[in-house]
Amino acid sequence: MYEIAQRVLALRTDPPGDVVVTIGLPYEEPTGEWSCPYRIDGLEGWEHERKVTGLDSLEAVERAMVMVRAALAGSHEAKEGLLSWEGVPGGQRAQTVYVTVDDERNIAYIAMKDEIVPGEVVRQVAAEGVVLDYGDSGRLLGLELSDAAGLLPPGMRI
């Protein structure tokens, strides 16, 4: 695999280790689709090269990124709090949010996690056109916007 991008995450185990994520150069398949290879070393069960396909090279890279993010987030290492990206200034890093837009009703829901199960929201706080949903730990689970067209940037109103 010809590498185009790589990230090293710290694995806080005893002894400490690294999880190395590598994205490869996309290439055109004989079928006309494009594939993008990726590999995650140091994460249990992911120690071999995989690939995803898309209609063009950009879609293949995007899909590889989605697969890597899902693999990392769904790993038992992440769920146990053993993964960290230590090279980030101030500990800041990009987070994934999940946006659902209902154009007919002009509302949007921005979830802080992939799925919020029924009964998980234990408290709601309403403010001008926004409803905040909190879980029992006090963490923000998501927010509903009642004027999605007016509040969301155009790129999020797909």
C-alpha atoms as a PDB file:
ATOM      1  CA  MET A   1       0.000   0.000   0.000  1.00  0.00           C
ATOM      2  CA  TYR A   2       1.310   3.447  -0.919  1.00  0.00           C
ATOM      3  CA  GLU A   3       0.551   5.531   2.188  1.00  0.00           C
ATOM      4  CA  ILE A   4      -1.016   8.983   1.870  1.00  0.00           C
ATOM      5  CA  ALA A   5      -1.963   9.589   5.511  1.00  0.00           C
ATOM      6  CA  GLN A   6      -1.172   8.197   8.929  1.00  0.00           C
ATOM      7  CA  ARG A   7      -2.138   8.868  12.550  1.00  0.00           C
ATOM      8  CA  VAL A   8      -0.715   7.336  15.701  1.00  0.00           C
ATOM      9  CA  LEU A   9      -2.969   6.928  18.726  1.00  0.00           C
ATOM     10  CA  ALA A  10      -1.622   6.072  22.171  1.00  0.00           C
ATOM     11  CA  LEU A  11      -2.872   2.800  23.639  1.00  0.00           C
ATOM     12  CA  ARG A  12      -2.877   3.216  27.424  1.00  0.00           C
ATOM     13  CA  THR A  13      -2.282  -0.381  28.412  1.00  0.00           C
ATOM     14  CA  ASP A  14       0.392  -2.075  30.489  1.00  0.00           C
ATOM     15  CA  PRO A  15       2.804  -1.953  28.746  1.00  0.00           C
ATOM     16  CA  PRO A  16       1.735   1.104  26.710  1.00  0.00           C
ATOM     17  CA  GLY A  17       1.407   0.723  22.956  1.00  0.00           C
ATOM     18  CA  ASP A  18       0.415   2.498  19.781  1.00  0.00           C
ATOM     19  CA  VAL A  19      -2.450   2.125  17.347  1.00  0.00           C
ATOM     20  CA  VAL A  20      -1.313   3.196  13.891  1.00  0.00           C
ATOM     21  CA  VAL A  21      -3.969   4.117  11.324  1.00  0.00           C
ATOM     22  CA  THR A  22      -2.839   4.260   7.707  1.00  0.00           C
ATOM     23  CA  ILE A  23      -4.825   5.356   4.654  1.00  0.00           C
ATOM     24  CA  GLY A  24      -3.487   4.318   1.258  1.00  0.00           C
ATOM     25  CA  LEU A  25      -3.585   5.884  -2.184  1.00  0.00           C
ATOM     26  CA  PRO A  26      -6.921   5.248  -3.944  1.00  0.00           C
ATOM     27  CA  TYR A  27      -6.734   3.330  -7.203  1.00  0.00           C
ATOM     28  CA  GLU A  28      -9.108   2.507 -10.038  1.00  0.00           C
ATOM     29  CA  GLU A  29     -10.418  -1.058 -10.237  1.00  0.00           C
ATOM     30  CA  PRO A  30     -10.945  -2.815 -13.607  1.00  0.00           C
ATOM     31  CA  THR A  31     -14.707  -2.315 -13.046  1.00  0.00           C
ATOM     32  CA  GLY A  32     -14.286   1.490 -13.080  1.00  0.00           C
ATOM     33  CA  GLU A  33     -14.951   1.827  -9.351  1.00  0.00           C
ATOM     34  CA  TRP A  34     -12.250   3.219  -7.098  1.00  0.00           C
ATOM     35  CA  SER A  35     -10.788   1.490  -4.050  1.00  0.00           C
ATOM     36  CA  CYS A  36      -8.942   2.944  -1.086  1.00  0.00           C
ATOM     37  CA  PRO A  37      -6.858   0.673   1.149  1.00  0.00           C
ATOM     38  CA  TYR A  38      -6.534   1.235   4.890  1.00  0.00           C
ATOM     39  CA  ARG A  39      -4.971  -0.525   7.841  1.00  0.00           C
ATOM     40  CA  ILE A  40      -5.183  -0.267  11.625  1.00  0.00           C
ATOM     41  CA  ASP A  41      -2.190  -1.775  13.425  1.00  0.00           C
ATOM     42  CA  GLY A  42      -2.345  -2.315  17.170  1.00  0.00           C
ATOM     43  CA  LEU A  43      -6.137  -2.589  17.372  1.00  0.00           C
ATOM     44  CA  GLU A  44      -7.273  -6.120  18.090  1.00  0.00           C
ATOM     45  CA  GLY A  45      -8.685  -7.815  14.995  1.00  0.00           C
ATOM     46  CA  TRP A  46      -7.629  -5.156  12.459  1.00  0.00           C
ATOM     47  CA  GLU A  47      -4.009  -6.121  11.762  1.00  0.00           C
ATOM     48  CA  HIS A  48      -4.401  -6.631   8.027  1.00  0.00           C
ATOM     49  CA  GLU A  49      -4.987  -4.362   5.052  1.00  0.00           C
ATOM     50  CA  ARG A  50      -8.597  -3.750   4.014  1.00  0.00           C
ATOM     51  CA  LYS A  51     -10.190  -1.644   1.302  1.00  0.00           C
ATOM     52  CA  VAL A  52     -13.449   0.086   0.485  1.00  0.00           C
ATOM     53  CA  THR A  53     -14.782   1.108  -2.912  1.00  0.00           C
ATOM     54  CA  GLY A  54     -16.555   4.184  -4.192  1.00  0.00           C
ATOM     55  CA  LEU A  55     -17.700   5.750  -7.438  1.00  0.00           C
ATOM     56  CA  ASP A  56     -14.577   7.936  -7.594  1.00  0.00           C
ATOM     57  CA  SER A  57     -11.309   8.356  -5.696  1.00  0.00           C
ATOM     58  CA  LEU A  58     -12.708  10.944  -3.288  1.00  0.00           C
ATOM     59  CA  GLU A  59     -15.666   8.782  -2.303  1.00  0.00           C
ATOM     60  CA  ALA A  60     -13.290   5.847  -1.741  1.00  0.00           C
ATOM     61  CA  VAL A  61     -11.116   7.952   0.598  1.00  0.00           C
ATOM     62  CA  GLU A  62     -14.204   9.271   2.418  1.00  0.00           C
ATOM     63  CA  ARG A  63     -15.488   5.722   2.931  1.00  0.00           C
ATOM     64  CA  ALA A  64     -12.102   4.575   4.203  1.00  0.00           C
ATOM     65  CA  MET A  65     -12.153   7.412   6.750  1.00  0.00           C
ATOM     66  CA  VAL A  66     -15.669   6.445   7.858  1.00  0.00           C
ATOM     67  CA  MET A  67     -14.641   2.807   8.272  1.00  0.00           C
ATOM     68  CA  VAL A  68     -11.548   3.746  10.282  1.00  0.00           C
ATOM     69  CA  ARG A  69     -13.545   6.083  12.534  1.00  0.00           C
ATOM     70  CA  ALA A  70     -16.197   3.397  13.108  1.00  0.00           C
ATOM     71  CA  ALA A  71     -13.573   0.727  13.827  1.00  0.00           C
ATOM     72  CA  LEU A  72     -11.796   2.940  16.335  1.00  0.00           C
ATOM     73  CA  ALA A  73     -14.975   4.155  18.046  1.00  0.00           C
ATOM     74  CA  GLY A  74     -16.462   0.650  18.205  1.00  0.00           C
ATOM     75  CA  SER A  75     -13.328  -1.051  19.523  1.00  0.00           C
ATOM     76  CA  HIS A  76     -13.205  -2.381  23.054  1.00  0.00           C
ATOM     77  CA  GLU A  77     -10.027  -0.316  23.487  1.00  0.00           C
ATOM     78  CA  ALA A  78     -11.969   2.918  22.841  1.00  0.00           C
ATOM     79  CA  LYS A  79     -14.950   1.821  24.932  1.00  0.00           C
ATOM     80  CA  GLU A  80     -12.606   1.161  27.849  1.00  0.00           C
ATOM     81  CA  GLY A  81     -10.989   4.608  27.425  1.00  0.00           C
ATOM     82  CA  LEU A  82      -7.607   3.182  26.415  1.00  0.00           C
ATOM     83  CA  LEU A  83      -7.143   5.169  23.165  1.00  0.00           C
ATOM     84  CA  SER A  84      -5.922   8.749  22.986  1.00  0.00           C
ATOM     85  CA  TRP A  85      -4.525  11.055  20.358  1.00  0.00           C
ATOM     86  CA  GLU A  86      -1.770  12.689  22.339  1.00  0.00           C
ATOM     87  CA  GLY A  87      -0.310  15.020  19.720  1.00  0.00           C
ATOM     88  CA  VAL A  88      -3.268  17.405  19.769  1.00  0.00           C
ATOM     89  CA  PRO A  89      -2.694  20.878  21.275  1.00  0.00           C
ATOM     90  CA  GLY A  90      -4.814  21.378  24.376  1.00  0.00           C
ATOM     91  CA  GLY A  91      -6.301  17.894  24.009  1.00  0.00           C
ATOM     92  CA  GLN A  92      -8.733  19.137  21.354  1.00  0.00           C
ATOM     93  CA  ARG A  93      -9.738  16.872  18.501  1.00  0.00           C
ATOM     94  CA  ALA A  94     -12.529  16.683  15.989  1.00  0.00           C
ATOM     95  CA  GLN A  95     -15.659  14.879  17.146  1.00  0.00           C
ATOM     96  CA  THR A  96     -18.319  13.209  15.045  1.00  0.00           C
ATOM     97  CA  VAL A  97     -21.898  14.424  15.374  1.00  0.00           C
ATOM     98  CA  TYR A  98     -24.906  12.994  13.579  1.00  0.00           C
ATOM     99  CA  VAL A  99     -27.246  15.472  11.894  1.00  0.00           C
ATOM    100  CA  THR A 100     -30.769  14.613  10.797  1.00  0.00           C
ATOM    101  CA  VAL A 101     -32.745  17.265   8.922  1.00  0.00           C
ATOM    102  CA  ASP A 102     -36.498  17.181   8.305  1.00  0.00           C
ATOM    103  CA  ASP A 103     -37.005  19.764   5.550  1.00  0.00           C
ATOM    104  CA  GLU A 104     -40.818  19.462   5.610  1.00  0.00           C
ATOM    105  CA  ARG A 105     -41.012  20.409   9.294  1.00  0.00           C
ATOM    106  CA  ASN A 106     -37.879  22.657   9.151  1.00  0.00           C
ATOM    107  CA  ILE A 107     -36.283  20.927  12.142  1.00  0.00           C
ATOM    108  CA  ALA A 108     -32.900  19.312  12.653  1.00  0.00           C
ATOM    109  CA  TYR A 109     -31.520  17.039  15.334  1.00  0.00           C
ATOM    110  CA  ILE A 110     -27.815  17.019  16.126  1.00  0.00           C
ATOM    111  CA  ALA A 111     -26.868  13.907  18.101  1.00  0.00           C
ATOM    112  CA  MET A 112     -23.578  13.583  19.955  1.00  0.00           C
ATOM    113  CA  LYS A 113     -23.556   9.816  19.428  1.00  0.00           C
ATOM    114  CA  ASP A 114     -24.661   7.397  16.742  1.00  0.00           C
ATOM    115  CA  GLU A 115     -27.856   6.222  18.425  1.00  0.00           C
ATOM    116  CA  ILE A 116     -29.889   7.551  21.317  1.00  0.00           C
ATOM    117  CA  VAL A 117     -32.079   4.796  22.692  1.00  0.00           C
ATOM    118  CA  PRO A 118     -35.616   5.411  23.976  1.00  0.00           C
ATOM    119  CA  GLY A 119     -35.547   6.437  27.625  1.00  0.00           C
ATOM    120  CA  GLU A 120     -31.914   7.581  27.510  1.00  0.00           C
ATOM    121  CA  VAL A 121     -32.911  11.255  27.577  1.00  0.00           C
ATOM    122  CA  VAL A 122     -33.750  12.080  31.182  1.00  0.00           C
ATOM    123  CA  ARG A 123     -33.810  15.879  31.048  1.00  0.00           C
ATOM    124  CA  GLN A 124     -34.648  18.475  28.415  1.00  0.00           C
ATOM    125  CA  VAL A 125     -33.863  22.165  28.487  1.00  0.00           C
ATOM    126  CA  ALA A 126     -35.666  24.474  26.034  1.00  0.00           C
ATOM    127  CA  ALA A 127     -34.339  27.838  24.894  1.00  0.00           C
ATOM    128  CA  GLU A 128     -35.162  30.028  21.887  1.00  0.00           C
ATOM    129  CA  GLY A 129     -35.749  27.464  19.139  1.00  0.00           C
ATOM    130  CA  VAL A 130     -33.455  24.830  20.662  1.00  0.00           C
ATOM    131  CA  VAL A 131     -34.176  21.834  22.888  1.00  0.00           C
ATOM    132  CA  LEU A 132     -31.164  20.245  24.624  1.00  0.00           C
ATOM    133  CA  ASP A 133     -31.386  16.555  25.563  1.00  0.00           C
ATOM    134  CA  TYR A 134     -29.313  15.278  28.502  1.00  0.00           C
ATOM    135  CA  GLY A 135     -28.620  11.758  29.745  1.00  0.00           C
ATOM    136  CA  ASP A 136     -28.590  10.570  33.344  1.00  0.00           C
ATOM    137  CA  SER A 137     -24.870  11.333  33.682  1.00  0.00           C
ATOM    138  CA  GLY A 138     -25.593  14.987  32.848  1.00  0.00           C
ATOM    139  CA  ARG A 139     -23.884  14.710  29.451  1.00  0.00           C
ATOM    140  CA  LEU A 140     -25.414  16.371  26.408  1.00  0.00           C
ATOM    141  CA  LEU A 141     -26.859  13.715  24.087  1.00  0.00           C
ATOM    142  CA  GLY A 142     -28.269  15.951  21.371  1.00  0.00           C
ATOM    143  CA  LEU A 143     -30.143  19.083  20.451  1.00  0.00           C
ATOM    144  CA  GLU A 144     -33.144  19.864  18.297  1.00  0.00           C
ATOM    145  CA  LEU A 145     -33.325  23.041  16.224  1.00  0.00           C
ATOM    146  CA  SER A 146     -36.803  24.285  15.347  1.00  0.00           C
ATOM    147  CA  ASP A 147     -35.588  26.566  12.511  1.00  0.00           C
ATOM    148  CA  ALA A 148     -33.089  24.336  10.724  1.00  0.00           C
ATOM    149  CA  ALA A 149     -33.044  26.376   7.513  1.00  0.00           C
ATOM    150  CA  GLY A 150     -32.235  29.543   9.408  1.00  0.00           C
ATOM    151  CA  LEU A 151     -29.748  28.089  11.891  1.00  0.00           C
ATOM    152  CA  LEU A 152     -27.750  25.448  10.018  1.00  0.00           C
ATOM    153  CA  PRO A 153     -24.992  26.319   7.563  1.00  0.00           C
ATOM    154  CA  PRO A 154     -25.998  25.566   3.942  1.00  0.00           C
ATOM    155  CA  GLY A 155     -23.612  22.590   3.730  1.00  0.00           C
ATOM    156  CA  MET A 156     -25.479  20.806   6.517  1.00  0.00           C
ATOM    157  CA  ARG A 157     -28.896  21.196   4.886  1.00  0.00           C
ATOM    158  CA  ILE A 158     -28.509  18.393   2.365  1.00  0.00           C
END
